[in-house]
């Protein structure tokens, strides 16, 4: 994907967009929702043909890591999700 990132950056450089940022590595953005939930958005570049399988693997790995830290990450108990 690095070659595609370079190509995309070159294309963007020819457009009027000044502040477009194309990251080579994944990034995570957090937002607090009004109902006290913390919403996390994970952005990453992936070949479109592999998007579904990569997303599924990432979700499993992220939940494993979150569940490994029960004192730092607290999920609601029961059906109040």
Protein backbone atom coordinates (compact mmCIF):
# COMPACT_ATOMS: atom_id res chain seq x y z
CA UNK A 1 0.00 0.00 0.00
CA UNK A 2 2.97 2.37 0.42
CA UNK A 3 3.28 2.74 -3.34
CA UNK A 4 -0.42 3.63 -3.56
CA UNK A 5 -0.06 6.12 -0.71
CA UNK A 6 2.80 7.86 -2.54
CA UNK A 7 0.75 7.93 -5.75
CA UNK A 8 -2.29 9.33 -3.92
CA UNK A 9 -0.17 12.03 -2.28
CA UNK A 10 1.19 13.02 -5.69
CA UNK A 11 -2.35 13.29 -7.07
CA UNK A 12 -3.45 15.36 -4.08
CA UNK A 13 -0.50 17.71 -4.56
CA UNK A 14 -1.94 18.64 -7.97
CA UNK A 15 -5.30 19.62 -6.48
CA UNK A 16 -6.34 22.76 -4.58
CA UNK A 17 -6.46 20.77 -1.33
CA UNK A 18 -3.82 22.19 1.00
CA UNK A 19 -4.29 20.32 4.25
CA UNK A 20 -5.02 16.75 3.13
CA UNK A 21 -3.12 14.25 5.25
CA UNK A 22 -2.60 10.70 4.07
CA UNK A 23 -1.13 8.53 6.82
CA UNK A 24 0.87 5.41 6.15
CA UNK A 25 0.10 3.95 9.56
CA UNK A 26 -3.24 3.33 11.27
CA UNK A 27 -4.66 6.05 13.50
CA UNK A 28 -7.26 6.01 16.27
CA UNK A 29 -9.60 8.93 17.02
CA UNK A 30 -11.72 9.09 20.17
CA UNK A 31 -14.97 11.00 20.68
CA UNK A 32 -17.19 11.15 23.76
CA UNK A 33 -20.85 10.54 22.99
CA UNK A 34 -23.64 12.28 24.98
CA UNK A 35 -24.61 8.96 26.60
CA UNK A 36 -21.11 8.70 28.21
CA UNK A 37 -19.85 6.13 25.73
CA UNK A 38 -16.43 6.61 24.24
CA UNK A 39 -16.52 6.21 20.46
CA UNK A 40 -13.28 5.07 18.80
CA UNK A 41 -12.68 5.36 15.07
CA UNK A 42 -9.78 3.39 13.60
CA UNK A 43 -8.53 4.58 10.22
CA UNK A 44 -6.24 2.44 8.12
CA UNK A 45 -5.44 1.89 4.48
CA UNK A 46 -6.10 -1.50 3.02
CA UNK A 47 -6.63 -3.02 -0.40
CA UNK A 48 -10.40 -2.88 -1.04
CA UNK A 49 -10.52 -6.60 -1.81
CA UNK A 50 -9.18 -7.37 1.68
CA UNK A 51 -11.17 -4.75 3.59
CA UNK A 52 -13.73 -7.12 5.12
CA UNK A 53 -11.27 -9.74 6.35
CA UNK A 54 -8.84 -7.11 7.68
CA UNK A 55 -11.65 -5.35 9.55
CA UNK A 56 -12.81 -8.63 11.12
CA UNK A 57 -9.27 -9.51 12.26
CA UNK A 58 -8.72 -6.01 13.66
CA UNK A 59 -11.95 -6.09 15.69
CA UNK A 60 -11.02 -9.44 17.25
CA UNK A 61 -7.50 -8.24 18.13
CA UNK A 62 -8.72 -4.91 19.51
CA UNK A 63 -11.34 -6.58 21.73
CA UNK A 64 -8.75 -9.07 22.98
CA UNK A 65 -6.43 -6.21 23.95
CA UNK A 66 -9.24 -4.24 25.60
CA UNK A 67 -10.47 -7.28 27.55
CA UNK A 68 -6.91 -7.96 28.73
CA UNK A 69 -7.00 -4.68 30.72
CA UNK A 70 -10.20 -4.94 32.82
CA UNK A 71 -9.11 -2.23 35.27
CA UNK A 72 -8.41 0.28 32.49
CA UNK A 73 -11.26 -0.62 30.12
CA UNK A 74 -14.67 -1.22 31.61
CA UNK A 75 -17.49 -2.62 29.54
CA UNK A 76 -21.08 -2.46 30.84
CA UNK A 77 -22.46 -5.62 32.35
CA UNK A 78 -25.70 -7.14 31.17
CA UNK A 79 -27.93 -5.76 28.43
CA UNK A 80 -27.24 -2.07 29.12
CA UNK A 81 -25.00 -1.80 26.10
